[in-house]
């Protein structure tokens, strides 16, 4: 498994493309990116940093409090790659291959509002909007099947070109299944995500007392 850095919005966001999808949390480049984000958030080098990295990359964990801030991680699998975003903030990432635009259009018949469907003019518009929706769902700010209850994904832009608010998207070209595929990758910092507080170290004396039969 090898990793390549992919363009991401903002200097604080690291986005890696892994060439295999197995156990991305154990990839050394992901661990290094998490360590860098933790240091930027105020973690102390040494064993404390190792504990933060282990906590962030533990199963089912995507954000972890660090020194009054936090470190976030998110992953998306597409076209034989795993895209991993790491940031000193809660973060989400979604990837969608351009050749899936017809599937996106079909799904969008229920997931997009009528105004959003009317604004989609090209496959690129559809895929950009879909990754924005997926990021909003992952961040807890949208329901996939309740489009009227969320903020618009597409708004009018100059010369009739629709704009996706919070644009943080790039195009990644990958070789997959014997052909070249274009993948739309979106990264967004998740606002308002509840960050679990670090668990306090166990009180060894209290544990010993609790183990004594009454």
N, C-alpha and C. Protein backbone atom coordinates (compact mmCIF):
# COMPACT_ATOMS: atom_id res chain seq x y z
N UNK A 1 0.84 -1.18 0.00
CA UNK A 1 0.00 0.00 0.00
C UNK A 1 0.89 1.24 0.00
N UNK A 2 0.67 2.13 -0.94
CA UNK A 2 1.42 3.38 -0.95
C UNK A 2 0.45 4.54 -0.91
N UNK A 3 0.95 5.69 -0.52
CA UNK A 3 0.08 6.86 -0.38
C UNK A 3 0.61 8.00 -1.21
N UNK A 4 -0.28 8.79 -1.73
CA UNK A 4 0.08 10.00 -2.46
C UNK A 4 -0.73 11.15 -1.89
N UNK A 5 -0.09 12.29 -1.79
CA UNK A 5 -0.80 13.47 -1.28
C UNK A 5 -1.65 14.06 -2.40
N UNK A 6 -2.90 14.33 -2.11
CA UNK A 6 -3.83 14.90 -3.07
C UNK A 6 -4.14 16.33 -2.64
N UNK A 7 -4.34 17.22 -3.60
CA UNK A 7 -4.66 18.61 -3.27
C UNK A 7 -5.90 18.68 -2.39
N UNK A 8 -5.82 19.48 -1.34
CA UNK A 8 -6.96 19.67 -0.45
C UNK A 8 -7.04 21.14 -0.08
N UNK A 9 -8.25 21.62 0.22
CA UNK A 9 -8.40 23.04 0.57
C UNK A 9 -7.81 23.35 1.93
N UNK A 10 -7.09 24.44 2.04
CA UNK A 10 -6.57 24.85 3.33
C UNK A 10 -5.28 24.15 3.69
N UNK A 11 -4.34 24.90 4.22
CA UNK A 11 -3.03 24.33 4.54
C UNK A 11 -3.11 23.34 5.69
N UNK A 12 -4.18 23.40 6.49
CA UNK A 12 -4.26 22.54 7.66
C UNK A 12 -4.85 21.16 7.36
N UNK A 13 -5.37 20.95 6.17
CA UNK A 13 -5.99 19.68 5.82
C UNK A 13 -5.01 18.84 5.01
N UNK A 14 -4.80 17.61 5.46
CA UNK A 14 -3.97 16.67 4.71
C UNK A 14 -4.89 15.64 4.08
N UNK A 15 -4.70 15.38 2.79
CA UNK A 15 -5.53 14.40 2.08
C UNK A 15 -4.62 13.40 1.39
N UNK A 16 -4.76 12.13 1.77
CA UNK A 16 -3.93 11.07 1.22
C UNK A 16 -4.75 10.14 0.35
N UNK A 17 -4.15 9.64 -0.71
CA UNK A 17 -4.77 8.63 -1.56
C UNK A 17 -3.98 7.34 -1.39
N UNK A 18 -4.64 6.32 -0.85
CA UNK A 18 -3.99 5.03 -0.65
C UNK A 18 -4.37 4.11 -1.80
N UNK A 19 -3.42 3.29 -2.23
CA UNK A 19 -3.67 2.43 -3.39
C UNK A 19 -4.35 1.13 -3.02
N UNK A 20 -4.71 0.94 -1.79
CA UNK A 20 -5.49 -0.22 -1.38
C UNK A 20 -6.41 0.22 -0.25
N UNK A 21 -7.51 -0.50 -0.08
CA UNK A 21 -8.52 -0.07 0.89
C UNK A 21 -8.42 -0.79 2.22
N UNK A 22 -7.51 -1.77 2.34
CA UNK A 22 -7.46 -2.56 3.56
C UNK A 22 -6.79 -1.81 4.70
N UNK A 23 -7.49 -1.71 5.82
CA UNK A 23 -6.93 -1.19 7.07
C UNK A 23 -6.18 0.12 6.89
N UNK A 24 -6.88 1.14 6.41
CA UNK A 24 -6.24 2.43 6.21
C UNK A 24 -5.78 3.06 7.52
N UNK A 25 -6.40 2.69 8.62
CA UNK A 25 -6.02 3.27 9.91
C UNK A 25 -4.61 2.84 10.35
N UNK A 26 -4.13 1.72 9.80
CA UNK A 26 -2.80 1.23 10.17
C UNK A 26 -1.72 1.72 9.22
N UNK A 27 -2.08 2.44 8.16
CA UNK A 27 -1.10 2.88 7.18
C UNK A 27 -0.13 3.88 7.83
N UNK A 28 1.17 3.69 7.65
CA UNK A 28 2.14 4.58 8.31
C UNK A 28 2.01 6.04 7.91
N UNK A 29 1.63 6.31 6.66
CA UNK A 29 1.48 7.70 6.24
C UNK A 29 0.27 8.35 6.90
N UNK A 30 -0.78 7.57 7.12
CA UNK A 30 -1.95 8.09 7.83
C UNK A 30 -1.58 8.39 9.27
N UNK A 31 -0.85 7.47 9.89
CA UNK A 31 -0.42 7.69 11.27
C UNK A 31 0.46 8.93 11.38
N UNK A 32 1.35 9.13 10.39
CA UNK A 32 2.21 10.31 10.41
C UNK A 32 1.40 11.59 10.24
N UNK A 33 0.37 11.54 9.39
CA UNK A 33 -0.48 12.71 9.18
C UNK A 33 -1.26 13.04 10.44
N UNK A 34 -1.77 12.02 11.13
CA UNK A 34 -2.50 12.24 12.37
C UNK A 34 -1.58 12.82 13.44
N UNK A 35 -0.35 12.31 13.51
CA UNK A 35 0.61 12.83 14.48
C UNK A 35 0.90 14.31 14.21
N UNK A 36 1.07 14.67 12.93
CA UNK A 36 1.33 16.07 12.58
C UNK A 36 0.15 16.96 12.96
N UNK A 37 -1.08 16.48 12.70
CA UNK A 37 -2.27 17.25 13.05
C UNK A 37 -2.41 17.39 14.56
N UNK A 38 -2.06 16.33 15.29
CA UNK A 38 -2.14 16.38 16.75
C UNK A 38 -1.14 17.37 17.32
N UNK A 39 0.07 17.40 16.77
CA UNK A 39 1.07 18.37 17.22
C UNK A 39 0.59 19.80 16.94
N UNK A 40 -0.01 19.98 15.76
CA UNK A 40 -0.53 21.31 15.40
C UNK A 40 -1.66 21.73 16.34
N UNK A 41 -2.39 20.74 16.86
CA UNK A 41 -3.50 21.04 17.77
C UNK A 41 -3.04 21.24 19.21
N UNK A 42 -1.76 20.98 19.47
CA UNK A 42 -1.24 21.23 20.81
C UNK A 42 -0.84 20.01 21.60
N UNK A 43 -0.82 18.83 20.97
CA UNK A 43 -0.40 17.62 21.68
C UNK A 43 1.10 17.69 21.99
N UNK A 44 1.49 17.07 23.09
CA UNK A 44 2.90 17.02 23.48
C UNK A 44 3.59 15.85 22.80
N UNK A 45 4.81 16.05 22.31
CA UNK A 45 5.55 14.93 21.70
C UNK A 45 5.81 13.84 22.73
N UNK A 46 6.08 12.62 22.22
CA UNK A 46 6.41 11.52 23.11
C UNK A 46 5.24 10.58 23.32
N UNK A 47 5.18 9.89 24.45
CA UNK A 47 4.12 8.92 24.71
C UNK A 47 2.72 9.51 24.63
N UNK A 48 2.57 10.77 25.05
CA UNK A 48 1.24 11.40 24.98
C UNK A 48 0.77 11.51 23.53
N UNK A 49 1.69 11.82 22.62
CA UNK A 49 1.35 11.91 21.20
C UNK A 49 0.96 10.54 20.67
N UNK A 50 1.69 9.51 21.08
CA UNK A 50 1.37 8.15 20.64
C UNK A 50 -0.04 7.76 21.09
N UNK A 51 -0.42 8.18 22.29
CA UNK A 51 -1.76 7.87 22.80
C UNK A 51 -2.83 8.57 21.98
N UNK A 52 -2.57 9.82 21.59
CA UNK A 52 -3.53 10.56 20.77
C UNK A 52 -3.70 9.88 19.42
N UNK A 53 -2.59 9.51 18.78
CA UNK A 53 -2.66 8.85 17.47
C UNK A 53 -3.45 7.55 17.58
N UNK A 54 -3.18 6.77 18.61
CA UNK A 54 -3.90 5.51 18.80
C UNK A 54 -5.39 5.76 19.02
N UNK A 55 -5.73 6.83 19.76
CA UNK A 55 -7.13 7.13 20.02
C UNK A 55 -7.85 7.57 18.75
N UNK A 56 -7.22 8.47 17.97
CA UNK A 56 -7.85 8.96 16.74
C UNK A 56 -8.08 7.83 15.76
N UNK A 57 -7.14 6.89 15.69
CA UNK A 57 -7.22 5.81 14.71
C UNK A 57 -7.82 4.53 15.27
N UNK A 58 -8.44 4.61 16.43
CA UNK A 58 -9.12 3.44 16.97
C UNK A 58 -10.40 3.19 16.17
N UNK A 59 -10.89 1.95 16.13
CA UNK A 59 -12.08 1.63 15.33
C UNK A 59 -13.27 2.51 15.68
N UNK A 60 -13.95 2.96 14.64
CA UNK A 60 -15.18 3.76 14.76
C UNK A 60 -14.96 5.14 15.36
N UNK A 61 -13.71 5.57 15.53
CA UNK A 61 -13.43 6.91 16.04
C UNK A 61 -13.03 7.81 14.87
N UNK A 62 -13.60 9.02 14.81
CA UNK A 62 -13.29 9.93 13.71
C UNK A 62 -12.85 11.32 14.19
N UNK A 63 -13.02 11.59 15.47
CA UNK A 63 -12.58 12.88 16.00
C UNK A 63 -12.21 12.68 17.47
N UNK A 64 -11.16 13.38 17.91
CA UNK A 64 -10.67 13.19 19.27
C UNK A 64 -10.17 14.52 19.82
N UNK A 65 -10.54 14.82 21.05
CA UNK A 65 -10.13 16.08 21.68
C UNK A 65 -8.64 16.06 21.99
N UNK A 66 -7.99 17.19 21.72
CA UNK A 66 -6.55 17.33 21.98
C UNK A 66 -6.28 18.74 22.51
N UNK A 67 -5.87 18.85 23.75
CA UNK A 67 -5.41 20.13 24.31
C UNK A 67 -6.34 21.30 24.01
N UNK A 68 -7.62 21.10 24.21
CA UNK A 68 -8.58 22.17 23.96
C UNK A 68 -9.00 22.30 22.52
N UNK A 69 -8.38 21.55 21.62
CA UNK A 69 -8.76 21.52 20.20
C UNK A 69 -9.16 20.08 19.87
N UNK A 70 -8.96 19.66 18.64
CA UNK A 70 -9.27 18.29 18.29
C UNK A 70 -8.53 17.89 17.02
N UNK A 71 -8.52 16.60 16.76
CA UNK A 71 -7.98 16.04 15.52
C UNK A 71 -9.07 15.19 14.90
N UNK A 72 -9.29 15.37 13.60
CA UNK A 72 -10.32 14.61 12.91
C UNK A 72 -9.74 13.80 11.76
N UNK A 73 -10.40 12.69 11.46
CA UNK A 73 -9.98 11.84 10.35
C UNK A 73 -11.24 11.30 9.67
N UNK A 74 -11.17 11.11 8.36
CA UNK A 74 -12.31 10.60 7.61
C UNK A 74 -11.78 9.87 6.39
N UNK A 75 -12.54 8.88 5.90
CA UNK A 75 -12.09 8.11 4.74
C UNK A 75 -13.24 7.86 3.79
N UNK A 76 -12.91 7.73 2.51
CA UNK A 76 -13.89 7.41 1.48
C UNK A 76 -13.23 6.49 0.47
N UNK A 77 -13.96 5.45 0.06
CA UNK A 77 -13.41 4.45 -0.86
C UNK A 77 -14.03 4.62 -2.25
N UNK A 78 -13.19 4.69 -3.26
CA UNK A 78 -13.69 4.86 -4.63
C UNK A 78 -12.60 4.48 -5.63
N UNK A 79 -12.99 3.77 -6.69
CA UNK A 79 -12.12 3.44 -7.82
C UNK A 79 -10.81 2.80 -7.36
N UNK A 80 -10.91 1.86 -6.44
CA UNK A 80 -9.72 1.15 -5.99
C UNK A 80 -8.80 1.96 -5.11
N UNK A 81 -9.25 3.10 -4.62
CA UNK A 81 -8.45 3.94 -3.75
C UNK A 81 -9.22 4.20 -2.45
N UNK A 82 -8.45 4.54 -1.43
CA UNK A 82 -9.05 5.05 -0.20
C UNK A 82 -8.50 6.44 0.02
N UNK A 83 -9.39 7.42 0.07
CA UNK A 83 -9.00 8.81 0.31
C UNK A 83 -9.18 9.11 1.79
N UNK A 84 -8.11 9.53 2.43
CA UNK A 84 -8.13 9.79 3.87
C UNK A 84 -7.81 11.25 4.13
N UNK A 85 -8.71 11.94 4.81
CA UNK A 85 -8.49 13.34 5.19
C UNK A 85 -8.16 13.40 6.67
N UNK A 86 -7.16 14.21 6.99
CA UNK A 86 -6.73 14.41 8.38
C UNK A 86 -6.60 15.91 8.62
N UNK A 87 -7.10 16.38 9.75
CA UNK A 87 -7.04 17.82 10.03
C UNK A 87 -7.08 18.08 11.53
N UNK A 88 -6.56 19.23 11.98
CA UNK A 88 -6.71 19.62 13.38
C UNK A 88 -8.11 20.19 13.61
N UNK A 89 -9.11 19.43 13.19
CA UNK A 89 -10.53 19.80 13.30
C UNK A 89 -11.33 18.58 12.89
N UNK A 90 -12.62 18.59 13.20
CA UNK A 90 -13.48 17.53 12.68
C UNK A 90 -13.56 17.70 11.17
N UNK A 91 -13.39 16.62 10.42
CA UNK A 91 -13.28 16.72 8.96
C UNK A 91 -14.04 15.56 8.32
N UNK A 92 -14.54 15.78 7.11
CA UNK A 92 -15.19 14.72 6.35
C UNK A 92 -14.66 14.74 4.93
N UNK A 93 -14.68 13.58 4.29
CA UNK A 93 -14.23 13.48 2.90
C UNK A 93 -15.18 12.54 2.16
N UNK A 94 -15.39 12.82 0.89
CA UNK A 94 -16.17 11.91 0.05
C UNK A 94 -15.59 11.92 -1.35
N UNK A 95 -15.61 10.75 -1.99
CA UNK A 95 -15.09 10.62 -3.35
C UNK A 95 -16.13 9.93 -4.22
N UNK A 96 -16.22 10.38 -5.46
CA UNK A 96 -17.18 9.80 -6.41
C UNK A 96 -16.58 9.86 -7.80
N UNK A 97 -16.51 8.73 -8.48
CA UNK A 97 -15.96 8.69 -9.83
C UNK A 97 -16.89 9.40 -10.80
N UNK A 98 -16.31 10.12 -11.74
CA UNK A 98 -17.11 10.87 -12.70
C UNK A 98 -17.99 9.96 -13.54
N UNK A 99 -17.53 8.73 -13.82
CA UNK A 99 -18.33 7.84 -14.66
C UNK A 99 -19.55 7.28 -13.94
N UNK A 100 -19.75 7.67 -12.70
CA UNK A 100 -20.95 7.27 -11.96
C UNK A 100 -22.03 8.35 -12.00
N UNK A 101 -21.88 9.33 -12.87
CA UNK A 101 -22.81 10.46 -12.87
C UNK A 101 -24.25 10.04 -13.13
N UNK A 102 -24.44 8.99 -13.96
CA UNK A 102 -25.81 8.54 -14.24
C UNK A 102 -26.46 7.97 -12.98
N UNK A 103 -25.69 7.21 -12.19
CA UNK A 103 -26.20 6.69 -10.92
C UNK A 103 -26.53 7.84 -9.97
N UNK A 104 -25.64 8.83 -9.96
CA UNK A 104 -25.86 9.99 -9.10
C UNK A 104 -27.13 10.72 -9.50
N UNK A 105 -27.34 10.86 -10.80
CA UNK A 105 -28.54 11.55 -11.28
C UNK A 105 -29.80 10.80 -10.86
N UNK A 106 -29.75 9.47 -10.93
CA UNK A 106 -30.90 8.66 -10.50
C UNK A 106 -31.15 8.83 -9.00
N UNK A 107 -30.08 8.73 -8.21
CA UNK A 107 -30.23 8.90 -6.77
C UNK A 107 -30.67 10.32 -6.44
N UNK A 108 -30.21 11.28 -7.24
CA UNK A 108 -30.56 12.68 -7.00
C UNK A 108 -32.02 12.99 -7.23
N UNK A 109 -32.74 12.09 -7.91
CA UNK A 109 -34.17 12.32 -8.12
C UNK A 109 -34.92 12.39 -6.80
N UNK A 110 -34.33 11.79 -5.75
CA UNK A 110 -34.93 11.87 -4.42
C UNK A 110 -34.07 12.65 -3.43
N UNK A 111 -32.75 12.64 -3.67
CA UNK A 111 -31.85 13.27 -2.70
C UNK A 111 -31.66 14.76 -2.94
N UNK A 112 -31.92 15.24 -4.18
CA UNK A 112 -31.78 16.65 -4.50
C UNK A 112 -33.14 17.33 -4.55
N UNK A 113 -33.17 18.62 -4.27
CA UNK A 113 -34.41 19.38 -4.41
C UNK A 113 -34.68 19.63 -5.89
N UNK A 114 -35.89 20.06 -6.21
CA UNK A 114 -36.23 20.36 -7.60
C UNK A 114 -35.32 21.45 -8.16
N UNK A 115 -35.03 22.46 -7.33
CA UNK A 115 -34.15 23.55 -7.78
C UNK A 115 -32.74 23.04 -8.05
N UNK A 116 -32.26 22.13 -7.22
CA UNK A 116 -30.92 21.56 -7.42
C UNK A 116 -30.87 20.71 -8.69
N UNK A 117 -31.91 19.93 -8.91
CA UNK A 117 -31.94 19.11 -10.13
C UNK A 117 -31.95 20.00 -11.37
N UNK A 118 -32.67 21.11 -11.29
CA UNK A 118 -32.72 22.03 -12.43
C UNK A 118 -31.38 22.72 -12.66
N UNK A 119 -30.61 22.89 -11.58
CA UNK A 119 -29.32 23.58 -11.69
C UNK A 119 -28.23 22.70 -12.27
N UNK A 120 -28.41 21.38 -12.19
CA UNK A 120 -27.40 20.45 -12.71
C UNK A 120 -27.40 20.50 -14.23
N UNK A 121 -26.27 20.89 -14.81
CA UNK A 121 -26.17 21.00 -16.27
C UNK A 121 -25.19 20.01 -16.87
N UNK A 122 -24.25 19.54 -16.09
CA UNK A 122 -23.22 18.64 -16.60
C UNK A 122 -23.00 17.50 -15.61
N UNK A 123 -22.38 16.40 -16.05
CA UNK A 123 -22.02 15.34 -15.10
C UNK A 123 -21.16 15.84 -13.95
N UNK A 124 -20.28 16.80 -14.23
CA UNK A 124 -19.44 17.35 -13.18
C UNK A 124 -20.27 18.05 -12.10
N UNK A 125 -21.32 18.77 -12.52
CA UNK A 125 -22.22 19.40 -11.55
C UNK A 125 -22.86 18.36 -10.65
N UNK A 126 -23.33 17.27 -11.27
CA UNK A 126 -24.02 16.23 -10.51
C UNK A 126 -23.10 15.58 -9.49
N UNK A 127 -21.89 15.27 -9.91
CA UNK A 127 -20.95 14.60 -9.01
C UNK A 127 -20.48 15.54 -7.91
N UNK A 128 -20.23 16.81 -8.25
CA UNK A 128 -19.86 17.78 -7.21
C UNK A 128 -20.96 17.90 -6.16
N UNK A 129 -22.20 17.99 -6.62
CA UNK A 129 -23.31 18.12 -5.68
C UNK A 129 -23.44 16.86 -4.82
N UNK A 130 -23.21 15.71 -5.43
CA UNK A 130 -23.35 14.46 -4.68
C UNK A 130 -22.30 14.35 -3.58
N UNK A 131 -21.06 14.70 -3.89
CA UNK A 131 -20.02 14.64 -2.85
C UNK A 131 -20.30 15.66 -1.75
N UNK A 132 -20.86 16.80 -2.12
CA UNK A 132 -21.23 17.79 -1.10
C UNK A 132 -22.32 17.24 -0.19
N UNK A 133 -23.29 16.54 -0.78
CA UNK A 133 -24.36 15.94 0.01
C UNK A 133 -23.82 14.86 0.94
N UNK A 134 -22.96 14.01 0.41
CA UNK A 134 -22.38 12.94 1.23
C UNK A 134 -21.58 13.52 2.39
N UNK A 135 -20.84 14.59 2.14
CA UNK A 135 -20.08 15.22 3.22
C UNK A 135 -21.03 15.79 4.27
N UNK A 136 -22.11 16.40 3.83
CA UNK A 136 -23.09 16.96 4.77
C UNK A 136 -23.73 15.86 5.61
N UNK A 137 -24.01 14.73 4.98
CA UNK A 137 -24.59 13.60 5.72
C UNK A 137 -23.59 13.07 6.74
N UNK A 138 -22.34 12.90 6.32
CA UNK A 138 -21.31 12.39 7.23
C UNK A 138 -21.09 13.34 8.41
N UNK A 139 -21.23 14.62 8.16
CA UNK A 139 -21.03 15.62 9.22
C UNK A 139 -22.26 15.76 10.11
N UNK A 140 -23.33 15.06 9.77
CA UNK A 140 -24.54 15.12 10.58
C UNK A 140 -25.42 16.30 10.29
N UNK A 141 -25.18 16.98 9.15
CA UNK A 141 -25.96 18.18 8.85
C UNK A 141 -26.99 17.98 7.77
N UNK A 142 -27.26 16.74 7.38
CA UNK A 142 -28.25 16.50 6.32
C UNK A 142 -28.78 15.09 6.40
N UNK A 143 -30.02 14.93 5.95
CA UNK A 143 -30.65 13.63 5.80
C UNK A 143 -30.72 13.36 4.31
N UNK A 144 -30.21 12.20 3.89
CA UNK A 144 -30.12 11.89 2.47
C UNK A 144 -31.46 12.00 1.75
N UNK A 145 -32.54 11.64 2.44
CA UNK A 145 -33.85 11.61 1.79
C UNK A 145 -34.77 12.74 2.24
N UNK A 146 -34.22 13.77 2.85
CA UNK A 146 -35.02 14.94 3.24
C UNK A 146 -34.33 16.21 2.73
N UNK A 147 -34.28 16.37 1.42
CA UNK A 147 -33.52 17.48 0.84
C UNK A 147 -34.03 18.87 1.19
N UNK A 148 -35.33 18.98 1.50
CA UNK A 148 -35.88 20.30 1.81
C UNK A 148 -35.53 20.77 3.21
N UNK A 149 -34.93 19.89 4.02
CA UNK A 149 -34.60 20.25 5.40
C UNK A 149 -33.13 20.66 5.58
N UNK A 150 -32.40 20.82 4.49
CA UNK A 150 -30.99 21.18 4.60
C UNK A 150 -30.69 22.41 3.75
N UNK A 151 -29.46 22.90 3.89
CA UNK A 151 -29.02 24.04 3.08
C UNK A 151 -28.86 23.61 1.63
N UNK A 152 -29.06 24.51 0.66
CA UNK A 152 -28.93 24.15 -0.75
C UNK A 152 -27.51 23.68 -1.09
N UNK A 153 -27.44 22.69 -1.98
CA UNK A 153 -26.14 22.18 -2.43
C UNK A 153 -25.64 22.94 -3.64
N UNK A 154 -26.55 23.42 -4.46
CA UNK A 154 -26.19 24.14 -5.68
C UNK A 154 -26.86 25.51 -5.65
N UNK A 155 -26.08 26.54 -5.93
CA UNK A 155 -26.64 27.89 -6.02
C UNK A 155 -26.19 28.50 -7.34
N UNK A 156 -26.97 29.43 -7.88
CA UNK A 156 -26.60 30.04 -9.17
C UNK A 156 -25.25 30.74 -9.10
N UNK A 157 -24.46 30.57 -10.16
CA UNK A 157 -23.17 31.23 -10.24
C UNK A 157 -23.07 32.08 -11.50
N UNK A 158 -21.90 32.59 -11.77
CA UNK A 158 -21.70 33.43 -12.95
C UNK A 158 -21.88 32.62 -14.23
N UNK A 159 -22.49 33.26 -15.24
CA UNK A 159 -22.68 32.65 -16.56
C UNK A 159 -23.47 31.35 -16.50
N UNK A 160 -24.33 31.22 -15.49
CA UNK A 160 -25.17 30.04 -15.41
C UNK A 160 -24.49 28.80 -14.87
N UNK A 161 -23.24 28.92 -14.45
CA UNK A 161 -22.52 27.76 -13.90
C UNK A 161 -22.87 27.62 -12.42
N UNK A 162 -23.46 26.49 -12.02
CA UNK A 162 -23.84 26.34 -10.62
C UNK A 162 -22.62 26.23 -9.71
N UNK A 163 -22.76 26.77 -8.51
CA UNK A 163 -21.69 26.77 -7.53
C UNK A 163 -22.12 25.92 -6.35
N UNK A 164 -21.20 25.10 -5.86
CA UNK A 164 -21.46 24.32 -4.66
C UNK A 164 -20.86 25.08 -3.48
N UNK A 165 -21.68 25.55 -2.53
CA UNK A 165 -21.14 26.30 -1.39
C UNK A 165 -20.10 25.48 -0.63
N UNK A 166 -19.11 26.18 -0.08
CA UNK A 166 -18.07 25.49 0.67
C UNK A 166 -17.18 24.64 -0.22
N UNK A 167 -16.97 25.10 -1.44
CA UNK A 167 -16.21 24.31 -2.42
C UNK A 167 -14.84 23.93 -1.88
N UNK A 168 -14.61 22.65 -1.76
CA UNK A 168 -13.31 22.13 -1.35
C UNK A 168 -13.08 20.84 -2.10
N UNK A 169 -13.02 20.96 -3.43
CA UNK A 169 -13.09 19.78 -4.28
C UNK A 169 -11.93 19.77 -5.25
N UNK A 170 -11.50 18.57 -5.59
CA UNK A 170 -10.44 18.41 -6.57
C UNK A 170 -10.72 17.21 -7.45
N UNK A 171 -10.03 17.14 -8.57
CA UNK A 171 -10.20 16.03 -9.51
C UNK A 171 -8.94 15.18 -9.46
N UNK A 172 -9.10 13.89 -9.18
CA UNK A 172 -7.97 12.98 -9.06
C UNK A 172 -8.08 11.92 -10.15
N UNK A 173 -7.03 11.76 -10.96
CA UNK A 173 -7.02 10.76 -12.03
C UNK A 173 -6.33 9.50 -11.53
N UNK A 174 -7.00 8.36 -11.68
CA UNK A 174 -6.45 7.09 -11.20
C UNK A 174 -6.61 6.02 -12.26
N UNK A 175 -5.69 5.07 -12.28
CA UNK A 175 -5.82 3.89 -13.12
C UNK A 175 -6.51 2.81 -12.30
N UNK A 176 -7.63 2.33 -12.79
CA UNK A 176 -8.40 1.33 -12.04
C UNK A 176 -9.09 0.40 -13.02
N UNK A 177 -8.94 -0.90 -12.79
CA UNK A 177 -9.58 -1.91 -13.64
C UNK A 177 -9.21 -1.73 -15.11
N UNK A 178 -7.96 -1.39 -15.36
CA UNK A 178 -7.47 -1.29 -16.72
C UNK A 178 -7.83 -0.03 -17.46
N UNK A 179 -8.34 0.97 -16.77
CA UNK A 179 -8.68 2.21 -17.45
C UNK A 179 -8.43 3.41 -16.53
N UNK A 180 -8.38 4.57 -17.16
CA UNK A 180 -8.17 5.81 -16.41
C UNK A 180 -9.52 6.35 -15.96
N UNK A 181 -9.65 6.63 -14.67
CA UNK A 181 -10.90 7.14 -14.14
C UNK A 181 -10.65 8.47 -13.43
N UNK A 182 -11.59 9.38 -13.59
CA UNK A 182 -11.53 10.68 -12.91
C UNK A 182 -12.41 10.60 -11.67
N UNK A 183 -11.85 10.99 -10.55
CA UNK A 183 -12.56 10.91 -9.27
C UNK A 183 -12.67 12.31 -8.67
N UNK A 184 -13.89 12.70 -8.36
CA UNK A 184 -14.15 13.96 -7.66
C UNK A 184 -13.98 13.70 -6.17
N UNK A 185 -13.08 14.44 -5.54
CA UNK A 185 -12.81 14.27 -4.11
C UNK A 185 -13.12 15.57 -3.39
N UNK A 186 -13.98 15.50 -2.40
CA UNK A 186 -14.36 16.70 -1.64
C UNK A 186 -13.97 16.53 -0.17
N UNK A 187 -13.42 17.58 0.38
CA UNK A 187 -13.06 17.62 1.80
C UNK A 187 -13.77 18.82 2.43
N UNK A 188 -14.33 18.63 3.61
CA UNK A 188 -15.00 19.73 4.30
C UNK A 188 -14.73 19.63 5.79
N UNK A 189 -14.48 20.76 6.40
CA UNK A 189 -14.37 20.81 7.86
C UNK A 189 -15.78 20.80 8.42
N UNK A 190 -16.03 19.89 9.33
CA UNK A 190 -17.37 19.72 9.89
C UNK A 190 -17.56 20.66 11.07
N UNK A 191 -18.53 21.55 10.97
CA UNK A 191 -18.81 22.53 12.02
C UNK A 191 -19.89 21.99 12.94
N UNK A 192 -19.70 22.18 14.23
CA UNK A 192 -20.72 21.79 15.19
C UNK A 192 -20.73 20.32 15.54
N UNK A 193 -19.66 19.60 15.19
CA UNK A 193 -19.59 18.19 15.53
C UNK A 193 -19.20 18.04 16.99
N UNK A 194 -19.92 17.21 17.70
CA UNK A 194 -19.60 17.00 19.11
C UNK A 194 -18.32 16.18 19.21
N UNK A 195 -17.35 16.70 19.93
CA UNK A 195 -16.07 16.02 20.10
C UNK A 195 -16.06 15.31 21.45
N UNK A 196 -15.95 13.98 21.47
CA UNK A 196 -15.91 13.28 22.75
C UNK A 196 -14.70 13.73 23.56
N UNK A 197 -14.89 13.95 24.85
CA UNK A 197 -13.77 14.33 25.71
C UNK A 197 -12.88 13.11 25.94
N UNK A 198 -11.57 13.34 26.09
CA UNK A 198 -10.69 12.20 26.38
C UNK A 198 -11.10 11.53 27.67
N UNK A 199 -11.00 10.22 27.69
CA UNK A 199 -11.32 9.50 28.91
C UNK A 199 -10.22 9.73 29.95
N UNK A 200 -10.60 10.03 31.20
CA UNK A 200 -9.56 10.22 32.22
C UNK A 200 -8.85 8.91 32.53
N UNK A 201 -7.61 9.03 32.94
CA UNK A 201 -6.86 7.83 33.32
C UNK A 201 -7.54 7.17 34.51
N UNK A 202 -7.62 5.85 34.53
CA UNK A 202 -8.30 5.18 35.63
C UNK A 202 -7.58 5.41 36.96
N UNK A 203 -8.37 5.56 37.99
CA UNK A 203 -7.83 5.72 39.34
C UNK A 203 -7.50 4.33 39.86
N UNK A 204 -6.20 4.01 39.90
CA UNK A 204 -5.79 2.66 40.27
C UNK A 204 -6.22 2.30 41.69
N UNK A 205 -6.18 3.28 42.60
CA UNK A 205 -6.59 3.00 43.98
C UNK A 205 -8.07 2.65 44.03
N UNK A 206 -8.88 3.41 43.26
CA UNK A 206 -10.32 3.15 43.24
C UNK A 206 -10.61 1.79 42.64
N UNK A 207 -9.86 1.42 41.58
CA UNK A 207 -10.05 0.11 40.97
C UNK A 207 -9.70 -1.00 41.95
N UNK A 208 -8.62 -0.81 42.70
CA UNK A 208 -8.22 -1.82 43.67
C UNK A 208 -9.27 -1.97 44.77
N UNK A 209 -9.83 -0.82 45.21
CA UNK A 209 -10.85 -0.85 46.25
C UNK A 209 -12.10 -1.54 45.76
N UNK A 210 -12.45 -1.28 44.48
CA UNK A 210 -13.66 -1.89 43.92
C UNK A 210 -13.51 -3.40 43.80
N UNK A 211 -12.27 -3.86 43.69
CA UNK A 211 -12.04 -5.30 43.52
C UNK A 211 -12.10 -6.06 44.84
N UNK A 212 -12.12 -5.33 45.96
CA UNK A 212 -12.16 -5.98 47.28
C UNK A 212 -13.58 -6.43 47.57
N UNK A 213 -13.80 -7.72 47.89
CA UNK A 213 -15.16 -8.19 48.19
C UNK A 213 -15.75 -7.44 49.37
N UNK A 214 -17.05 -7.15 49.30
CA UNK A 214 -17.71 -6.43 50.39
C UNK A 214 -17.88 -7.34 51.60
